Amino acid sequence: MALYVNTAEPKKALRAFNASVGNIDQPHDGARWLRPKNSDYFTHADPEWAYKSWVLPSVRQGSLMFNIIRPEDRYVSVKAYAAYHAELVGTLMDAGLAAPLDIKMSSRCADGDLNA
């Protein structure tokens, strides 16, 4: 499953998203996502959902895409997909971006998803 954010400013949207990310070893207050050092992957900061999946953002022409990456030891449940996508949308909505966002989601594995 992937989340597509069509926007004229995908790099700005990614920077706004990155502001909500904390270091996995030292999360900051209000961190909605956690990232290991030297990694492009993120996991949900909520203890109920942390490590149930990973998210990999990528900037494309006119869009920002978030792909789901499953952990090596398990598949991603439908509830985890829903929680991750809901938190992604909420994070982007709270980012205060001026440019309109057109957000679409796939309900099945999409280009760039790894072992979902």
N, C-alpha and C. Protein backbone atom coordinates (compact mmCIF):
# COMPACT_ATOMS: atom_id res chain seq x y z
N MET A 1 0.85 -1.17 0.00
CA MET A 1 0.00 0.00 0.00
C MET A 1 0.89 1.23 0.00
N ALA A 2 0.48 2.20 -0.74
CA ALA A 2 1.25 3.43 -0.82
C ALA A 2 0.32 4.62 -0.61
N LEU A 3 0.92 5.69 -0.16
CA LEU A 3 0.19 6.95 -0.01
C LEU A 3 0.87 7.95 -0.94
N TYR A 4 0.06 8.53 -1.82
CA TYR A 4 0.56 9.48 -2.80
C TYR A 4 0.09 10.87 -2.42
N VAL A 5 1.00 11.81 -2.32
CA VAL A 5 0.66 13.19 -2.01
C VAL A 5 1.03 14.03 -3.22
N ASN A 6 0.03 14.39 -3.99
CA ASN A 6 0.27 15.23 -5.16
C ASN A 6 0.27 16.68 -4.70
N THR A 7 1.37 17.35 -4.95
CA THR A 7 1.54 18.74 -4.53
C THR A 7 2.58 19.40 -5.41
N ALA A 8 2.47 20.69 -5.57
CA ALA A 8 3.46 21.44 -6.34
C ALA A 8 4.77 21.56 -5.58
N GLU A 9 4.76 21.28 -4.29
CA GLU A 9 5.94 21.44 -3.46
C GLU A 9 6.26 20.16 -2.68
N PRO A 10 6.61 19.06 -3.38
CA PRO A 10 6.86 17.80 -2.67
C PRO A 10 8.04 17.85 -1.70
N LYS A 11 9.08 18.59 -2.04
CA LYS A 11 10.23 18.68 -1.13
C LYS A 11 9.85 19.43 0.15
N LYS A 12 9.04 20.46 0.02
CA LYS A 12 8.58 21.20 1.20
C LYS A 12 7.68 20.31 2.06
N ALA A 13 6.84 19.52 1.42
CA ALA A 13 5.98 18.60 2.16
C ALA A 13 6.82 17.57 2.92
N LEU A 14 7.90 17.09 2.30
CA LEU A 14 8.77 16.13 2.99
C LEU A 14 9.49 16.80 4.16
N ARG A 15 9.94 18.03 3.99
CA ARG A 15 10.58 18.74 5.11
C ARG A 15 9.59 18.92 6.26
N ALA A 16 8.35 19.24 5.95
CA ALA A 16 7.32 19.39 6.99
C ALA A 16 7.07 18.06 7.69
N PHE A 17 7.04 16.99 6.91
CA PHE A 17 6.87 15.67 7.51
C PHE A 17 8.05 15.35 8.42
N ASN A 18 9.27 15.63 7.95
CA ASN A 18 10.47 15.33 8.73
C ASN A 18 10.50 16.06 10.07
N ALA A 19 9.80 17.19 10.16
CA ALA A 19 9.74 17.93 11.43
C ALA A 19 8.99 17.15 12.50
N SER A 20 8.18 16.18 12.09
CA SER A 20 7.41 15.37 13.04
C SER A 20 8.13 14.09 13.43
N VAL A 21 9.37 13.94 12.96
CA VAL A 21 10.12 12.71 13.17
C VAL A 21 11.16 12.89 14.27
N GLY A 22 11.22 11.91 15.15
CA GLY A 22 12.22 11.93 16.21
C GLY A 22 13.24 10.82 15.98
N ASN A 23 14.38 10.94 16.62
CA ASN A 23 15.39 9.89 16.59
C ASN A 23 14.86 8.70 17.38
N ILE A 24 14.99 7.52 16.83
CA ILE A 24 14.43 6.33 17.47
C ILE A 24 15.01 6.10 18.86
N ASP A 25 16.25 6.54 19.09
CA ASP A 25 16.88 6.37 20.40
C ASP A 25 16.56 7.50 21.37
N GLN A 26 16.24 8.69 20.82
CA GLN A 26 15.93 9.85 21.65
C GLN A 26 14.79 10.65 21.01
N PRO A 27 13.56 10.13 21.07
CA PRO A 27 12.46 10.85 20.44
C PRO A 27 12.18 12.17 21.15
N HIS A 28 11.83 13.20 20.38
CA HIS A 28 11.47 14.48 20.98
C HIS A 28 9.99 14.48 21.33
N ASP A 29 9.62 15.36 22.23
CA ASP A 29 8.21 15.46 22.61
C ASP A 29 7.39 15.78 21.37
N GLY A 30 6.30 15.09 21.21
CA GLY A 30 5.42 15.33 20.08
C GLY A 30 5.83 14.60 18.82
N ALA A 31 6.89 13.80 18.86
CA ALA A 31 7.29 13.04 17.67
C ALA A 31 6.19 12.06 17.31
N ARG A 32 5.76 12.10 16.08
CA ARG A 32 4.72 11.19 15.60
C ARG A 32 5.32 10.00 14.88
N TRP A 33 6.58 10.15 14.49
CA TRP A 33 7.31 9.12 13.76
C TRP A 33 8.71 9.01 14.34
N LEU A 34 9.30 7.84 14.20
CA LEU A 34 10.66 7.61 14.68
C LEU A 34 11.51 7.07 13.54
N ARG A 35 12.79 7.47 13.55
CA ARG A 35 13.71 7.02 12.51
C ARG A 35 15.02 6.61 13.15
N PRO A 36 15.54 5.44 12.79
CA PRO A 36 16.89 5.07 13.24
C PRO A 36 17.92 6.00 12.61
N LYS A 37 19.04 6.17 13.28
CA LYS A 37 20.11 6.99 12.72
C LYS A 37 20.53 6.43 11.37
N ASN A 38 20.86 7.34 10.46
CA ASN A 38 21.36 6.99 9.14
C ASN A 38 20.40 6.11 8.34
N SER A 39 19.12 6.34 8.51
CA SER A 39 18.11 5.56 7.79
C SER A 39 17.10 6.49 7.12
N ASP A 40 16.54 6.04 6.04
CA ASP A 40 15.47 6.78 5.37
C ASP A 40 14.10 6.25 5.78
N TYR A 41 14.07 5.18 6.57
CA TYR A 41 12.82 4.54 6.98
C TYR A 41 12.30 5.13 8.28
N PHE A 42 10.97 5.15 8.42
CA PHE A 42 10.32 5.67 9.62
C PHE A 42 9.38 4.60 10.16
N THR A 43 9.14 4.63 11.45
CA THR A 43 8.10 3.81 12.05
C THR A 43 7.21 4.71 12.90
N HIS A 44 6.03 4.24 13.16
CA HIS A 44 5.04 4.97 13.96
C HIS A 44 5.58 5.15 15.37
N ALA A 45 5.38 6.32 15.98
CA ALA A 45 5.88 6.57 17.33
C ALA A 45 4.96 6.00 18.42
N ASP A 46 3.70 5.79 18.11
CA ASP A 46 2.77 5.24 19.10
C ASP A 46 3.22 3.82 19.46
N PRO A 47 3.42 3.53 20.75
CA PRO A 47 3.91 2.21 21.15
C PRO A 47 3.04 1.05 20.63
N GLU A 48 1.75 1.30 20.44
CA GLU A 48 0.87 0.24 19.92
C GLU A 48 1.25 -0.15 18.49
N TRP A 49 1.77 0.81 17.72
CA TRP A 49 2.04 0.58 16.30
C TRP A 49 3.52 0.60 15.93
N ALA A 50 4.38 1.03 16.83
CA ALA A 50 5.81 1.12 16.52
C ALA A 50 6.35 -0.25 16.09
N TYR A 51 7.14 -0.24 15.04
CA TYR A 51 7.82 -1.42 14.50
C TYR A 51 6.89 -2.44 13.84
N LYS A 52 5.60 -2.12 13.71
CA LYS A 52 4.68 -3.03 13.02
C LYS A 52 4.86 -2.90 11.51
N SER A 53 5.48 -1.81 11.11
CA SER A 53 5.75 -1.54 9.71
C SER A 53 6.76 -0.41 9.64
N TRP A 54 7.21 -0.14 8.45
CA TRP A 54 8.11 0.98 8.19
C TRP A 54 7.55 1.75 7.01
N VAL A 55 7.91 3.00 6.93
CA VAL A 55 7.47 3.86 5.83
C VAL A 55 8.71 4.46 5.18
N LEU A 56 8.71 4.47 3.84
CA LEU A 56 9.82 5.04 3.09
C LEU A 56 9.28 6.14 2.17
N PRO A 57 9.61 7.41 2.46
CA PRO A 57 9.15 8.48 1.58
C PRO A 57 10.09 8.66 0.39
N SER A 58 9.53 9.12 -0.72
CA SER A 58 10.34 9.46 -1.88
C SER A 58 9.69 10.63 -2.61
N VAL A 59 10.53 11.55 -3.05
CA VAL A 59 10.06 12.72 -3.79
C VAL A 59 10.09 12.38 -5.27
N ARG A 60 8.98 12.66 -5.92
CA ARG A 60 8.87 12.47 -7.36
C ARG A 60 8.40 13.78 -7.97
N GLN A 61 8.41 13.86 -9.27
CA GLN A 61 7.95 15.06 -9.94
C GLN A 61 6.49 15.32 -9.58
N GLY A 62 6.24 16.39 -8.84
CA GLY A 62 4.88 16.77 -8.49
C GLY A 62 4.22 15.93 -7.41
N SER A 63 4.99 15.07 -6.73
CA SER A 63 4.36 14.27 -5.68
C SER A 63 5.39 13.79 -4.66
N LEU A 64 4.86 13.43 -3.54
CA LEU A 64 5.61 12.79 -2.47
C LEU A 64 4.92 11.45 -2.24
N MET A 65 5.69 10.38 -2.25
CA MET A 65 5.10 9.06 -2.10
C MET A 65 5.66 8.40 -0.84
N PHE A 66 4.79 7.74 -0.10
CA PHE A 66 5.18 6.97 1.08
C PHE A 66 4.85 5.51 0.80
N ASN A 67 5.87 4.67 0.82
CA ASN A 67 5.67 3.23 0.63
C ASN A 67 5.76 2.52 1.97
N ILE A 68 4.99 1.45 2.09
CA ILE A 68 5.01 0.60 3.27
C ILE A 68 6.10 -0.46 3.08
N ILE A 69 6.90 -0.64 4.10
CA ILE A 69 7.95 -1.65 4.11
C ILE A 69 7.69 -2.56 5.31
N ARG A 70 7.49 -3.82 5.07
CA ARG A 70 7.17 -4.70 6.20
C ARG A 70 8.42 -5.10 6.95
N PRO A 71 8.28 -5.39 8.24
CA PRO A 71 9.41 -5.92 9.01
C PRO A 71 9.82 -7.28 8.45
N GLU A 72 11.05 -7.66 8.69
CA GLU A 72 11.55 -8.93 8.16
C GLU A 72 10.83 -10.14 8.74
N ASP A 73 10.30 -10.00 9.96
CA ASP A 73 9.77 -11.17 10.65
C ASP A 73 8.25 -11.33 10.60
N ARG A 74 7.53 -10.44 9.89
CA ARG A 74 6.07 -10.57 9.86
C ARG A 74 5.47 -9.75 8.72
N TYR A 75 4.23 -10.06 8.42
CA TYR A 75 3.49 -9.27 7.44
C TYR A 75 2.80 -8.11 8.16
N VAL A 76 2.38 -7.13 7.41
CA VAL A 76 1.72 -5.95 7.97
C VAL A 76 0.21 -6.23 7.98
N SER A 77 -0.40 -6.09 9.14
CA SER A 77 -1.84 -6.33 9.24
C SER A 77 -2.63 -5.19 8.60
N VAL A 78 -3.88 -5.47 8.29
CA VAL A 78 -4.75 -4.45 7.73
C VAL A 78 -4.92 -3.30 8.72
N LYS A 79 -5.01 -3.62 10.01
CA LYS A 79 -5.14 -2.56 11.02
C LYS A 79 -3.89 -1.70 11.07
N ALA A 80 -2.72 -2.31 10.92
CA ALA A 80 -1.48 -1.52 10.92
C ALA A 80 -1.43 -0.63 9.68
N TYR A 81 -1.81 -1.17 8.51
CA TYR A 81 -1.88 -0.33 7.31
C TYR A 81 -2.76 0.89 7.58
N ALA A 82 -3.92 0.66 8.15
CA ALA A 82 -4.86 1.75 8.41
C ALA A 82 -4.26 2.76 9.39
N ALA A 83 -3.63 2.27 10.45
CA ALA A 83 -3.05 3.17 11.45
C ALA A 83 -1.93 4.00 10.84
N TYR A 84 -1.09 3.39 10.04
CA TYR A 84 0.03 4.12 9.41
C TYR A 84 -0.47 5.15 8.41
N HIS A 85 -1.43 4.77 7.60
CA HIS A 85 -1.95 5.74 6.63
C HIS A 85 -2.69 6.88 7.32
N ALA A 86 -3.46 6.57 8.35
CA ALA A 86 -4.16 7.63 9.08
C ALA A 86 -3.17 8.61 9.71
N GLU A 87 -2.10 8.07 10.29
CA GLU A 87 -1.11 8.94 10.92
C GLU A 87 -0.35 9.76 9.88
N LEU A 88 -0.07 9.18 8.72
CA LEU A 88 0.58 9.93 7.64
C LEU A 88 -0.29 11.11 7.21
N VAL A 89 -1.56 10.84 6.97
CA VAL A 89 -2.47 11.92 6.56
C VAL A 89 -2.58 12.97 7.66
N GLY A 90 -2.74 12.54 8.90
CA GLY A 90 -2.82 13.48 10.01
C GLY A 90 -1.57 14.33 10.15
N THR A 91 -0.42 13.72 9.99
CA THR A 91 0.84 14.45 10.08
C THR A 91 0.92 15.51 9.00
N LEU A 92 0.57 15.14 7.78
CA LEU A 92 0.61 16.11 6.68
C LEU A 92 -0.42 17.22 6.85
N MET A 93 -1.59 16.88 7.36
CA MET A 93 -2.63 17.89 7.59
C MET A 93 -2.20 18.88 8.67
N ASP A 94 -1.51 18.39 9.68
CA ASP A 94 -1.05 19.24 10.77
C ASP A 94 0.20 20.05 10.43
N ALA A 95 0.81 19.77 9.29
CA ALA A 95 2.09 20.40 8.94
C ALA A 95 1.95 21.87 8.54
N GLY A 96 0.74 22.31 8.29
CA GLY A 96 0.52 23.72 7.95
C GLY A 96 1.05 24.11 6.59
N LEU A 97 1.04 23.19 5.65
CA LEU A 97 1.52 23.49 4.31
C LEU A 97 0.52 24.41 3.59
N ALA A 98 1.04 25.40 2.89
CA ALA A 98 0.17 26.34 2.18
C ALA A 98 -0.35 25.76 0.87
N ALA A 99 0.48 24.97 0.20
CA ALA A 99 0.08 24.40 -1.08
C ALA A 99 -0.96 23.31 -0.85
N PRO A 100 -1.97 23.24 -1.71
CA PRO A 100 -2.98 22.19 -1.55
C PRO A 100 -2.36 20.81 -1.72
N LEU A 101 -2.89 19.85 -0.98
CA LEU A 101 -2.43 18.47 -1.06
C LEU A 101 -3.56 17.62 -1.62
N ASP A 102 -3.25 16.81 -2.59
CA ASP A 102 -4.19 15.84 -3.13
C ASP A 102 -3.65 14.48 -2.71
N ILE A 103 -4.28 13.86 -1.72
CA ILE A 103 -3.76 12.64 -1.12
C ILE A 103 -4.58 11.44 -1.61
N LYS A 104 -3.87 10.43 -2.11
CA LYS A 104 -4.51 9.20 -2.57
C LYS A 104 -3.78 8.03 -1.94
N MET A 105 -4.51 6.94 -1.74
CA MET A 105 -3.91 5.75 -1.15
C MET A 105 -4.25 4.54 -1.99
N SER A 106 -3.33 3.60 -2.04
CA SER A 106 -3.62 2.32 -2.69
C SER A 106 -4.08 1.35 -1.62
N SER A 107 -4.93 0.43 -2.01
CA SER A 107 -5.41 -0.56 -1.04
C SER A 107 -4.68 -1.89 -1.18
N ARG A 108 -3.79 -1.96 -2.12
CA ARG A 108 -2.98 -3.18 -2.33
C ARG A 108 -1.54 -2.76 -2.52
N CYS A 109 -0.65 -3.72 -2.59
CA CYS A 109 0.76 -3.41 -2.81
C CYS A 109 0.90 -2.54 -4.05
N ALA A 110 1.80 -1.58 -3.95
CA ALA A 110 2.00 -0.62 -5.04
C ALA A 110 3.47 -0.55 -5.37
N ASP A 111 3.76 0.12 -6.45
CA ASP A 111 5.13 0.31 -6.90
C ASP A 111 5.96 0.90 -5.74
N GLY A 112 7.01 0.21 -5.38
CA GLY A 112 7.89 0.68 -4.32
C GLY A 112 7.65 0.03 -2.97
N ASP A 113 6.51 -0.63 -2.76
CA ASP A 113 6.27 -1.35 -1.51
C ASP A 113 7.18 -2.58 -1.48
N LEU A 114 7.74 -2.87 -0.33
CA LEU A 114 8.63 -4.01 -0.20
C LEU A 114 8.04 -5.05 0.73
N ASN A 115 7.73 -6.20 0.17
CA ASN A 115 7.26 -7.35 0.96
C ASN A 115 6.06 -7.01 1.83
N ALA A 116 5.16 -6.21 1.33
CA ALA A 116 3.98 -5.84 2.12
C ALA A 116 3.01 -6.98 2.24
